[in-house]
N, C-alpha and C. Protein backbone atom coordinates (compact mmCIF):
# COMPACT_ATOMS: atom_id res chain seq x y z
N LEU A 1 -136.87 13.61 201.86
CA LEU A 1 -137.45 14.88 202.27
C LEU A 1 -138.19 14.66 203.57
N SER A 2 -137.88 15.46 204.56
CA SER A 2 -138.60 15.38 205.83
C SER A 2 -139.11 16.76 206.22
N GLN A 3 -140.22 16.77 206.95
CA GLN A 3 -140.82 18.01 207.40
C GLN A 3 -141.23 17.86 208.85
N THR A 4 -140.86 18.83 209.67
CA THR A 4 -141.22 18.84 211.08
C THR A 4 -141.92 20.16 211.37
N GLY A 5 -143.01 20.10 212.11
CA GLY A 5 -143.76 21.31 212.38
C GLY A 5 -144.11 21.45 213.85
N LEU A 6 -144.29 22.68 214.26
CA LEU A 6 -144.71 22.99 215.63
C LEU A 6 -145.77 24.09 215.54
N GLY A 7 -146.88 23.89 216.23
CA GLY A 7 -147.95 24.87 216.22
C GLY A 7 -148.42 25.18 217.63
N VAL A 8 -148.72 26.45 217.88
CA VAL A 8 -149.25 26.88 219.17
C VAL A 8 -150.59 27.54 218.87
N TYR A 9 -151.64 27.14 219.59
CA TYR A 9 -153.01 27.53 219.26
C TYR A 9 -153.73 28.03 220.50
N VAL A 10 -154.44 29.14 220.38
CA VAL A 10 -155.23 29.69 221.47
C VAL A 10 -156.61 30.03 220.92
N GLN A 11 -157.67 29.66 221.67
CA GLN A 11 -159.03 29.98 221.25
C GLN A 11 -159.87 30.38 222.45
N ASP A 12 -160.77 31.32 222.20
CA ASP A 12 -161.72 31.72 223.23
C ASP A 12 -163.09 31.87 222.58
N GLN A 13 -164.11 31.34 223.24
CA GLN A 13 -165.48 31.46 222.77
C GLN A 13 -166.28 32.19 223.85
N LEU A 14 -166.88 33.30 223.47
CA LEU A 14 -167.61 34.13 224.42
C LEU A 14 -169.10 34.09 224.12
N ARG A 15 -169.90 33.87 225.16
CA ARG A 15 -171.35 33.94 225.03
C ARG A 15 -171.83 35.08 225.92
N PHE A 16 -172.65 35.95 225.35
CA PHE A 16 -173.13 37.07 226.14
C PHE A 16 -174.40 37.66 225.54
N ALA A 17 -175.07 38.49 226.30
CA ALA A 17 -176.22 39.29 225.87
C ALA A 17 -177.28 38.48 225.14
N GLU A 18 -177.76 37.42 225.77
CA GLU A 18 -178.91 36.68 225.25
C GLU A 18 -178.75 36.21 223.80
N GLY A 19 -177.84 35.33 223.55
CA GLY A 19 -177.74 34.71 222.24
C GLY A 19 -176.52 35.05 221.42
N TRP A 20 -175.78 36.08 221.77
CA TRP A 20 -174.59 36.44 221.00
C TRP A 20 -173.44 35.48 221.32
N LEU A 21 -172.72 35.12 220.29
CA LEU A 21 -171.59 34.20 220.41
C LEU A 21 -170.43 34.77 219.59
N VAL A 22 -169.27 34.94 220.22
CA VAL A 22 -168.07 35.44 219.53
C VAL A 22 -166.96 34.41 219.71
N THR A 23 -166.31 34.04 218.62
CA THR A 23 -165.19 33.09 218.66
C THR A 23 -163.95 33.79 218.12
N LEU A 24 -162.87 33.72 218.88
CA LEU A 24 -161.59 34.29 218.47
C LEU A 24 -160.51 33.24 218.64
N ASN A 25 -159.66 33.07 217.66
CA ASN A 25 -158.52 32.19 217.85
C ASN A 25 -157.31 32.70 217.10
N GLY A 26 -156.16 32.30 217.58
CA GLY A 26 -154.89 32.64 216.96
C GLY A 26 -153.97 31.44 216.98
N ARG A 27 -153.10 31.39 216.02
CA ARG A 27 -152.20 30.25 215.91
C ARG A 27 -150.87 30.71 215.33
N TYR A 28 -149.80 30.12 215.84
CA TYR A 28 -148.49 30.32 215.22
C TYR A 28 -147.96 28.95 214.82
N ASP A 29 -147.57 28.82 213.56
CA ASP A 29 -146.99 27.58 213.05
C ASP A 29 -145.57 27.84 212.58
N HIS A 30 -144.72 26.87 212.83
CA HIS A 30 -143.35 26.93 212.31
C HIS A 30 -143.03 25.54 211.74
N VAL A 31 -142.40 25.52 210.59
CA VAL A 31 -142.10 24.25 209.93
C VAL A 31 -140.64 24.26 209.45
N TRP A 32 -139.99 23.11 209.63
CA TRP A 32 -138.61 22.91 209.18
C TRP A 32 -138.61 21.80 208.15
N LYS A 33 -137.92 22.01 207.04
CA LYS A 33 -137.82 21.00 205.98
C LYS A 33 -136.34 20.69 205.74
N ASP A 34 -136.05 19.40 205.53
CA ASP A 34 -134.69 18.95 205.22
C ASP A 34 -134.75 17.95 204.08
N SER A 35 -133.80 18.06 203.19
CA SER A 35 -133.66 17.08 202.12
C SER A 35 -132.18 16.76 201.98
N HIS A 36 -131.86 15.50 202.09
CA HIS A 36 -130.47 15.05 201.96
C HIS A 36 -130.39 13.96 200.91
N ASP A 37 -129.47 14.13 200.00
CA ASP A 37 -129.26 13.16 198.92
C ASP A 37 -130.52 12.93 198.10
N GLY A 38 -131.27 14.00 197.88
CA GLY A 38 -132.50 13.88 197.09
C GLY A 38 -132.27 14.26 195.65
N PRO A 39 -132.73 13.45 194.70
CA PRO A 39 -132.58 13.79 193.29
C PRO A 39 -133.57 14.88 192.89
N THR A 40 -133.25 15.58 191.81
CA THR A 40 -134.17 16.56 191.25
C THR A 40 -134.81 15.94 190.02
N TYR A 41 -135.87 16.55 189.54
CA TYR A 41 -136.59 16.06 188.37
C TYR A 41 -135.70 16.09 187.13
N TYR A 42 -134.93 17.17 186.99
CA TYR A 42 -134.10 17.32 185.79
C TYR A 42 -132.78 16.58 185.89
N SER A 43 -132.31 16.31 187.10
CA SER A 43 -131.03 15.60 187.28
C SER A 43 -131.23 14.46 188.29
N PRO A 44 -131.85 13.34 187.89
CA PRO A 44 -132.15 12.27 188.83
C PRO A 44 -130.92 11.65 189.47
N THR A 45 -129.76 11.83 188.87
CA THR A 45 -128.55 11.23 189.44
C THR A 45 -127.78 12.21 190.30
N GLN A 46 -128.18 13.49 190.31
CA GLN A 46 -127.47 14.51 191.10
C GLN A 46 -128.07 14.57 192.50
N ASP A 47 -127.23 14.45 193.52
CA ASP A 47 -127.70 14.54 194.91
C ASP A 47 -127.74 16.00 195.34
N VAL A 48 -128.78 16.35 196.06
CA VAL A 48 -128.97 17.72 196.52
C VAL A 48 -129.28 17.72 198.01
N ASP A 49 -128.55 18.53 198.78
CA ASP A 49 -128.81 18.71 200.21
C ASP A 49 -129.31 20.14 200.41
N LYS A 50 -130.43 20.29 201.11
CA LYS A 50 -130.94 21.63 201.38
C LYS A 50 -131.87 21.59 202.58
N ASP A 51 -132.12 22.75 203.17
CA ASP A 51 -133.07 22.85 204.27
C ASP A 51 -133.72 24.22 204.24
N SER A 52 -134.84 24.33 204.94
CA SER A 52 -135.53 25.61 205.03
C SER A 52 -136.37 25.63 206.30
N ASP A 53 -136.73 26.82 206.75
CA ASP A 53 -137.70 26.92 207.83
C ASP A 53 -138.57 28.15 207.59
N ASP A 54 -139.87 27.99 207.88
CA ASP A 54 -140.85 29.05 207.68
C ASP A 54 -141.78 29.08 208.88
N GLY A 55 -142.33 30.24 209.17
CA GLY A 55 -143.30 30.38 210.24
C GLY A 55 -144.20 31.56 210.01
N GLU A 56 -145.42 31.47 210.54
CA GLU A 56 -146.37 32.57 210.35
C GLU A 56 -147.52 32.46 211.35
N PHE A 57 -148.10 33.62 211.68
CA PHE A 57 -149.30 33.69 212.51
C PHE A 57 -150.54 33.59 211.61
N SER A 58 -151.60 33.00 212.14
CA SER A 58 -152.89 32.98 211.46
C SER A 58 -153.97 33.10 212.53
N GLY A 59 -155.18 33.39 212.10
CA GLY A 59 -156.23 33.55 213.10
C GLY A 59 -157.61 33.53 212.50
N ARG A 60 -158.60 33.59 213.38
CA ARG A 60 -159.99 33.56 212.97
C ARG A 60 -160.82 34.38 213.95
N ALA A 61 -161.81 35.09 213.42
CA ALA A 61 -162.77 35.82 214.25
C ALA A 61 -164.15 35.56 213.67
N GLY A 62 -165.09 35.21 214.55
CA GLY A 62 -166.44 34.94 214.10
C GLY A 62 -167.46 35.48 215.08
N ILE A 63 -168.62 35.84 214.56
CA ILE A 63 -169.71 36.32 215.40
C ILE A 63 -171.00 35.66 214.92
N ALA A 64 -171.85 35.31 215.88
CA ALA A 64 -173.12 34.64 215.56
C ALA A 64 -174.18 35.06 216.57
N TYR A 65 -175.43 34.86 216.18
CA TYR A 65 -176.54 35.10 217.10
C TYR A 65 -177.46 33.88 217.07
N GLU A 66 -177.65 33.25 218.23
CA GLU A 66 -178.48 32.05 218.33
C GLU A 66 -179.91 32.42 218.71
N PHE A 67 -180.84 32.21 217.77
CA PHE A 67 -182.26 32.43 218.07
C PHE A 67 -182.83 31.19 218.75
N ASP A 68 -183.93 31.37 219.49
CA ASP A 68 -184.56 30.26 220.20
C ASP A 68 -185.14 29.20 219.26
N ASN A 69 -185.46 29.57 218.02
CA ASN A 69 -186.05 28.63 217.07
C ASN A 69 -185.02 27.74 216.36
N GLY A 70 -183.73 27.83 216.74
CA GLY A 70 -182.70 26.99 216.16
C GLY A 70 -181.92 27.63 215.03
N LEU A 71 -182.30 28.84 214.60
CA LEU A 71 -181.57 29.54 213.54
C LEU A 71 -180.41 30.33 214.13
N THR A 72 -179.26 30.26 213.46
CA THR A 72 -178.08 31.00 213.90
C THR A 72 -177.38 31.62 212.70
N PRO A 73 -177.61 32.93 212.43
CA PRO A 73 -176.82 33.59 211.39
C PRO A 73 -175.41 33.87 211.93
N TYR A 74 -174.43 33.83 211.03
CA TYR A 74 -173.05 34.04 211.47
C TYR A 74 -172.23 34.69 210.37
N ALA A 75 -171.08 35.23 210.78
CA ALA A 75 -170.10 35.79 209.86
C ALA A 75 -168.72 35.50 210.44
N SER A 76 -167.74 35.25 209.56
CA SER A 76 -166.39 34.98 210.05
C SER A 76 -165.36 35.42 209.02
N VAL A 77 -164.16 35.66 209.54
CA VAL A 77 -163.00 35.93 208.70
C VAL A 77 -161.85 35.10 209.28
N ALA A 78 -161.06 34.50 208.40
CA ALA A 78 -159.96 33.65 208.86
C ALA A 78 -158.78 33.78 207.92
N THR A 79 -157.59 33.66 208.50
CA THR A 79 -156.37 33.56 207.71
C THR A 79 -155.75 32.20 208.01
N PHE A 80 -154.92 31.69 207.10
CA PHE A 80 -154.30 30.40 207.36
C PHE A 80 -152.90 30.31 206.77
N PHE A 81 -152.16 29.35 207.30
CA PHE A 81 -150.78 29.05 206.90
C PHE A 81 -150.71 27.54 206.77
N ASN A 82 -150.39 27.05 205.58
CA ASN A 82 -150.40 25.62 205.32
C ASN A 82 -149.06 25.19 204.72
N PRO A 83 -148.17 24.59 205.51
CA PRO A 83 -146.90 24.12 204.96
C PRO A 83 -147.14 23.03 203.91
N ILE A 84 -146.47 23.13 202.79
CA ILE A 84 -146.62 22.17 201.69
C ILE A 84 -145.36 21.33 201.61
N ILE A 85 -145.51 20.02 201.69
CA ILE A 85 -144.35 19.15 201.53
C ILE A 85 -144.21 18.82 200.05
N GLY A 86 -143.02 18.94 199.55
CA GLY A 86 -142.78 18.65 198.14
C GLY A 86 -141.84 19.66 197.52
N THR A 87 -141.46 19.38 196.27
CA THR A 87 -140.54 20.25 195.53
C THR A 87 -141.05 20.45 194.12
N ASP A 88 -140.55 21.51 193.50
CA ASP A 88 -140.88 21.72 192.09
C ASP A 88 -139.91 20.90 191.23
N THR A 89 -140.01 21.04 189.94
CA THR A 89 -139.19 20.22 189.04
C THR A 89 -137.70 20.51 189.13
N SER A 90 -137.32 21.68 189.67
CA SER A 90 -135.90 21.99 189.83
C SER A 90 -135.36 21.52 191.19
N GLY A 91 -136.26 20.98 192.05
CA GLY A 91 -135.84 20.50 193.36
C GLY A 91 -136.01 21.52 194.47
N ALA A 92 -136.50 22.73 194.16
CA ALA A 92 -136.72 23.75 195.20
C ALA A 92 -137.95 23.40 196.03
N PHE A 93 -137.88 23.61 197.34
CA PHE A 93 -139.02 23.35 198.21
C PHE A 93 -140.20 24.24 197.82
N PHE A 94 -141.41 23.71 197.94
CA PHE A 94 -142.58 24.55 197.81
C PHE A 94 -142.65 25.48 199.01
N VAL A 95 -143.06 26.72 198.79
CA VAL A 95 -143.25 27.65 199.90
C VAL A 95 -144.63 27.39 200.51
N PRO A 96 -144.83 27.71 201.77
CA PRO A 96 -146.13 27.44 202.40
C PRO A 96 -147.27 28.20 201.71
N GLU A 97 -148.42 27.57 201.71
CA GLU A 97 -149.64 28.19 201.20
C GLU A 97 -150.24 29.09 202.29
N THR A 98 -150.70 30.26 201.89
CA THR A 98 -151.35 31.17 202.83
C THR A 98 -152.67 31.62 202.21
N GLY A 99 -153.52 32.23 203.03
CA GLY A 99 -154.78 32.69 202.47
C GLY A 99 -155.68 33.36 203.48
N THR A 100 -156.80 33.86 202.96
CA THR A 100 -157.82 34.53 203.77
C THR A 100 -159.19 34.09 203.28
N GLN A 101 -160.09 33.82 204.22
CA GLN A 101 -161.45 33.45 203.86
C GLN A 101 -162.47 34.30 204.61
N TYR A 102 -163.46 34.79 203.86
CA TYR A 102 -164.61 35.51 204.43
C TYR A 102 -165.83 34.62 204.22
N GLU A 103 -166.67 34.50 205.24
CA GLU A 103 -167.83 33.62 205.12
C GLU A 103 -169.00 34.21 205.91
N VAL A 104 -170.19 34.13 205.33
CA VAL A 104 -171.43 34.46 206.04
C VAL A 104 -172.41 33.32 205.77
N GLY A 105 -173.25 33.06 206.75
CA GLY A 105 -174.16 31.96 206.55
C GLY A 105 -175.24 31.88 207.60
N LEU A 106 -175.99 30.79 207.50
CA LEU A 106 -177.10 30.53 208.41
C LEU A 106 -177.07 29.05 208.78
N LYS A 107 -177.04 28.79 210.09
CA LYS A 107 -177.10 27.42 210.59
C LYS A 107 -178.49 27.19 211.18
N TYR A 108 -178.98 25.95 211.03
CA TYR A 108 -180.29 25.61 211.57
C TYR A 108 -180.20 24.27 212.28
N ALA A 109 -180.49 24.27 213.58
CA ALA A 109 -180.54 23.04 214.39
C ALA A 109 -181.99 22.83 214.79
N PRO A 110 -182.74 22.05 214.01
CA PRO A 110 -184.16 21.88 214.31
C PRO A 110 -184.39 21.09 215.59
N THR A 111 -185.56 21.30 216.19
CA THR A 111 -185.90 20.57 217.42
C THR A 111 -186.54 19.22 217.10
N TRP A 112 -187.03 19.01 215.88
CA TRP A 112 -187.74 17.80 215.52
C TRP A 112 -186.84 16.68 215.01
N ILE A 113 -185.53 16.97 214.84
CA ILE A 113 -184.58 15.94 214.39
C ILE A 113 -183.21 16.31 214.94
N ASP A 114 -182.38 15.29 215.20
CA ASP A 114 -181.02 15.53 215.69
C ASP A 114 -180.12 15.79 214.49
N GLY A 115 -180.02 17.06 214.11
CA GLY A 115 -179.24 17.39 212.93
C GLY A 115 -178.85 18.86 212.91
N LEU A 116 -178.01 19.19 211.95
CA LEU A 116 -177.57 20.56 211.74
C LEU A 116 -177.50 20.81 210.24
N PHE A 117 -178.11 21.91 209.80
CA PHE A 117 -178.12 22.29 208.39
C PHE A 117 -177.46 23.67 208.27
N THR A 118 -176.57 23.83 207.28
CA THR A 118 -175.84 25.08 207.12
C THR A 118 -175.89 25.53 205.66
N LEU A 119 -176.18 26.78 205.45
CA LEU A 119 -176.12 27.42 204.14
C LEU A 119 -175.14 28.58 204.28
N SER A 120 -174.12 28.64 203.42
CA SER A 120 -173.12 29.70 203.54
C SER A 120 -172.65 30.17 202.17
N VAL A 121 -172.17 31.41 202.15
CA VAL A 121 -171.47 31.95 200.98
C VAL A 121 -170.06 32.30 201.44
N PHE A 122 -169.09 32.14 200.56
CA PHE A 122 -167.70 32.34 200.95
C PHE A 122 -166.89 32.99 199.85
N ASP A 123 -165.80 33.61 200.26
CA ASP A 123 -164.81 34.18 199.36
C ASP A 123 -163.45 33.78 199.93
N LEU A 124 -162.75 32.91 199.24
CA LEU A 124 -161.49 32.34 199.70
C LEU A 124 -160.38 32.71 198.72
N THR A 125 -159.33 33.35 199.23
CA THR A 125 -158.17 33.70 198.40
C THR A 125 -156.96 32.98 198.97
N ARG A 126 -156.27 32.21 198.12
CA ARG A 126 -155.11 31.42 198.54
C ARG A 126 -153.89 31.81 197.70
N GLN A 127 -152.73 31.90 198.36
CA GLN A 127 -151.48 32.18 197.67
C GLN A 127 -150.58 30.93 197.70
N ASN A 128 -149.76 30.78 196.69
CA ASN A 128 -148.78 29.68 196.57
C ASN A 128 -149.47 28.31 196.56
N VAL A 129 -150.50 28.18 195.76
CA VAL A 129 -151.31 26.96 195.71
C VAL A 129 -150.64 25.93 194.80
N PRO A 130 -150.37 24.71 195.32
CA PRO A 130 -149.82 23.67 194.43
C PRO A 130 -150.92 23.11 193.53
N VAL A 131 -150.64 23.08 192.24
CA VAL A 131 -151.58 22.53 191.26
C VAL A 131 -150.80 21.63 190.30
N THR A 132 -151.53 20.80 189.58
CA THR A 132 -150.90 19.94 188.59
C THR A 132 -150.29 20.80 187.48
N ASN A 133 -149.07 20.47 187.10
CA ASN A 133 -148.36 21.19 186.05
C ASN A 133 -148.95 20.82 184.69
N PRO A 134 -149.55 21.77 183.96
CA PRO A 134 -150.14 21.43 182.66
C PRO A 134 -149.13 20.89 181.66
N ALA A 135 -147.85 21.28 181.81
CA ALA A 135 -146.81 20.81 180.89
C ALA A 135 -146.30 19.42 181.25
N SER A 136 -146.53 18.98 182.49
CA SER A 136 -146.05 17.68 182.96
C SER A 136 -146.99 17.18 184.06
N PRO A 137 -148.05 16.45 183.70
CA PRO A 137 -149.10 16.09 184.65
C PRO A 137 -148.66 15.28 185.87
N PHE A 138 -147.44 14.76 185.88
CA PHE A 138 -146.97 14.00 187.04
C PHE A 138 -146.15 14.85 188.01
N THR A 139 -146.12 16.18 187.76
CA THR A 139 -145.42 17.10 188.65
C THR A 139 -146.39 18.22 189.06
N GLN A 140 -145.97 19.01 190.03
CA GLN A 140 -146.77 20.13 190.46
C GLN A 140 -145.98 21.43 190.37
N ILE A 141 -146.73 22.53 190.25
CA ILE A 141 -146.18 23.88 190.31
C ILE A 141 -147.02 24.65 191.33
N GLN A 142 -146.53 25.81 191.75
CA GLN A 142 -147.31 26.66 192.63
C GLN A 142 -147.79 27.87 191.86
N VAL A 143 -149.09 28.17 192.01
CA VAL A 143 -149.70 29.32 191.35
C VAL A 143 -149.69 30.48 192.34
N GLY A 144 -149.46 31.69 191.83
CA GLY A 144 -149.36 32.87 192.69
C GLY A 144 -150.55 33.09 193.59
N GLU A 145 -151.77 33.19 193.01
CA GLU A 145 -152.96 33.41 193.84
C GLU A 145 -154.19 32.87 193.12
N ILE A 146 -155.05 32.19 193.88
CA ILE A 146 -156.29 31.64 193.35
C ILE A 146 -157.43 32.10 194.25
N ARG A 147 -158.53 32.54 193.63
CA ARG A 147 -159.70 32.98 194.38
C ARG A 147 -160.87 32.06 194.08
N SER A 148 -161.55 31.61 195.14
CA SER A 148 -162.75 30.79 195.03
C SER A 148 -163.89 31.55 195.68
N ARG A 149 -164.99 31.66 194.97
CA ARG A 149 -166.20 32.28 195.53
C ARG A 149 -167.35 31.34 195.27
N GLY A 150 -168.22 31.17 196.29
CA GLY A 150 -169.32 30.27 196.04
C GLY A 150 -170.29 30.16 197.19
N VAL A 151 -171.13 29.15 197.08
CA VAL A 151 -172.16 28.87 198.07
C VAL A 151 -172.09 27.39 198.43
N GLU A 152 -172.36 27.09 199.70
CA GLU A 152 -172.28 25.71 200.16
C GLU A 152 -173.49 25.38 201.02
N LEU A 153 -174.04 24.20 200.82
CA LEU A 153 -175.12 23.68 201.63
C LEU A 153 -174.61 22.39 202.26
N GLU A 154 -174.73 22.29 203.59
CA GLU A 154 -174.23 21.13 204.31
C GLU A 154 -175.30 20.63 205.27
N ALA A 155 -175.41 19.31 205.39
CA ALA A 155 -176.37 18.70 206.32
C ALA A 155 -175.69 17.57 207.07
N LYS A 156 -175.95 17.51 208.38
CA LYS A 156 -175.47 16.41 209.22
C LYS A 156 -176.65 15.96 210.06
N VAL A 157 -177.08 14.72 209.87
CA VAL A 157 -178.23 14.20 210.59
C VAL A 157 -177.83 12.92 211.31
N ASN A 158 -178.13 12.86 212.61
CA ASN A 158 -177.88 11.66 213.41
C ASN A 158 -179.19 10.88 213.47
N VAL A 159 -179.31 9.86 212.62
CA VAL A 159 -180.53 9.06 212.55
C VAL A 159 -180.67 8.22 213.82
N THR A 160 -179.58 7.55 214.20
CA THR A 160 -179.50 6.79 215.45
C THR A 160 -178.12 7.06 216.04
N ASP A 161 -177.83 6.42 217.19
CA ASP A 161 -176.49 6.58 217.76
C ASP A 161 -175.41 6.00 216.86
N ASN A 162 -175.78 5.03 216.03
CA ASN A 162 -174.80 4.36 215.16
C ASN A 162 -174.94 4.71 213.69
N LEU A 163 -175.91 5.55 213.34
CA LEU A 163 -176.12 5.90 211.94
C LEU A 163 -176.18 7.42 211.81
N LYS A 164 -175.16 7.97 211.15
CA LYS A 164 -175.07 9.41 210.93
C LYS A 164 -174.98 9.66 209.43
N LEU A 165 -175.76 10.61 208.95
CA LEU A 165 -175.79 10.91 207.52
C LEU A 165 -175.26 12.33 207.26
N PRO A 166 -174.05 12.45 206.73
CA PRO A 166 -173.55 13.77 206.33
C PRO A 166 -173.71 13.98 204.83
N GLY A 167 -173.84 15.21 204.43
CA GLY A 167 -173.90 15.52 203.01
C GLY A 167 -173.56 16.97 202.78
N ALA A 168 -173.02 17.28 201.61
CA ALA A 168 -172.66 18.66 201.29
C ALA A 168 -172.72 18.87 199.78
N LEU A 169 -173.06 20.08 199.41
CA LEU A 169 -173.09 20.48 198.01
C LEU A 169 -172.46 21.86 197.92
N THR A 170 -171.47 22.02 197.05
CA THR A 170 -170.79 23.30 196.88
C THR A 170 -170.81 23.69 195.41
N ALA A 171 -171.17 24.92 195.15
CA ALA A 171 -171.09 25.49 193.80
C ALA A 171 -170.19 26.71 193.91
N TYR A 172 -169.14 26.75 193.09
CA TYR A 172 -168.20 27.87 193.21
C TYR A 172 -167.56 28.19 191.88
N ASP A 173 -167.01 29.39 191.84
CA ASP A 173 -166.24 29.86 190.71
C ASP A 173 -164.81 30.02 191.20
N ILE A 174 -163.86 29.43 190.48
CA ILE A 174 -162.46 29.49 190.89
C ILE A 174 -161.63 30.02 189.72
N GLU A 175 -160.73 30.96 190.03
CA GLU A 175 -159.87 31.49 188.98
C GLU A 175 -158.53 31.94 189.54
N ILE A 176 -157.54 31.96 188.68
CA ILE A 176 -156.21 32.45 189.03
C ILE A 176 -156.26 33.97 188.93
N THR A 177 -155.91 34.65 190.04
CA THR A 177 -155.98 36.12 190.06
C THR A 177 -154.61 36.79 189.98
N GLU A 178 -153.54 36.06 190.34
CA GLU A 178 -152.17 36.59 190.23
C GLU A 178 -151.23 35.45 189.93
N ASP A 179 -150.23 35.71 189.10
CA ASP A 179 -149.21 34.70 188.80
C ASP A 179 -148.08 35.36 188.01
N PRO A 180 -146.85 34.87 188.18
CA PRO A 180 -145.75 35.40 187.35
C PRO A 180 -146.00 35.21 185.85
N ASP A 181 -146.80 34.18 185.49
CA ASP A 181 -147.15 33.95 184.10
C ASP A 181 -148.47 34.66 183.80
N PRO A 182 -148.45 35.83 183.16
CA PRO A 182 -149.69 36.59 182.95
C PRO A 182 -150.71 35.89 182.05
N THR A 183 -150.30 34.88 181.29
CA THR A 183 -151.24 34.21 180.39
C THR A 183 -152.23 33.33 181.13
N VAL A 184 -151.97 33.01 182.41
CA VAL A 184 -152.90 32.16 183.16
C VAL A 184 -153.85 32.96 184.05
N VAL A 185 -153.60 34.26 184.23
CA VAL A 185 -154.45 35.09 185.07
C VAL A 185 -155.85 35.18 184.45
N GLY A 186 -156.85 34.96 185.28
CA GLY A 186 -158.25 34.96 184.82
C GLY A 186 -158.74 33.60 184.39
N LYS A 187 -157.87 32.60 184.41
CA LYS A 187 -158.26 31.26 183.99
C LYS A 187 -158.44 30.35 185.19
N ARG A 188 -159.08 29.20 184.97
CA ARG A 188 -159.27 28.20 185.99
C ARG A 188 -158.00 27.34 186.11
N PRO A 189 -157.58 27.00 187.35
CA PRO A 189 -156.40 26.13 187.49
C PRO A 189 -156.61 24.77 186.81
N PHE A 190 -155.52 24.20 186.34
CA PHE A 190 -155.54 22.89 185.68
C PHE A 190 -155.85 21.81 186.68
N ILE A 191 -156.82 20.96 186.42
CA ILE A 191 -157.28 19.88 187.30
C ILE A 191 -157.58 20.42 188.69
N VAL A 192 -158.74 21.05 188.82
CA VAL A 192 -159.15 21.63 190.11
C VAL A 192 -159.49 20.49 191.06
């Protein structure tokens, strides 16, 4: 199985009106997958030749205001396209993962230490998410849609030029919101 990808990315960051910051970016990704003489899970001796190609646009928009005291509240929305390498148990290629994330938060860059502290809340919805197959833990399946909502605290402190201390804590609720199998909707994915 081989995968080749090409991405084109454009970003612009605008600063204006005493502290306002706007970030806009767009991206187009295209991925080609080929499999020659690859066995399937159910027929390890059967050779299968197949190929596929997928492409999609994604982007991000964010706005922030930088106060003189180091506080920066912000809000952003982003979409994404993530090609997944691999196959399901029948040998079919996984389709790319897509999603949308909304985030609001507060960044703090204090003057008394070289560091950055961030507190944020987020709502992330992903489609075609590969997860461990509950019926066969050594294989994966793709779930229709998974939503994660939560809060994250992150700290990055540069103690010296050679000593940097990063840390993060995330608390979130994750559940399956759509799937061809209605018995899993509303439940947490297997092995998050």
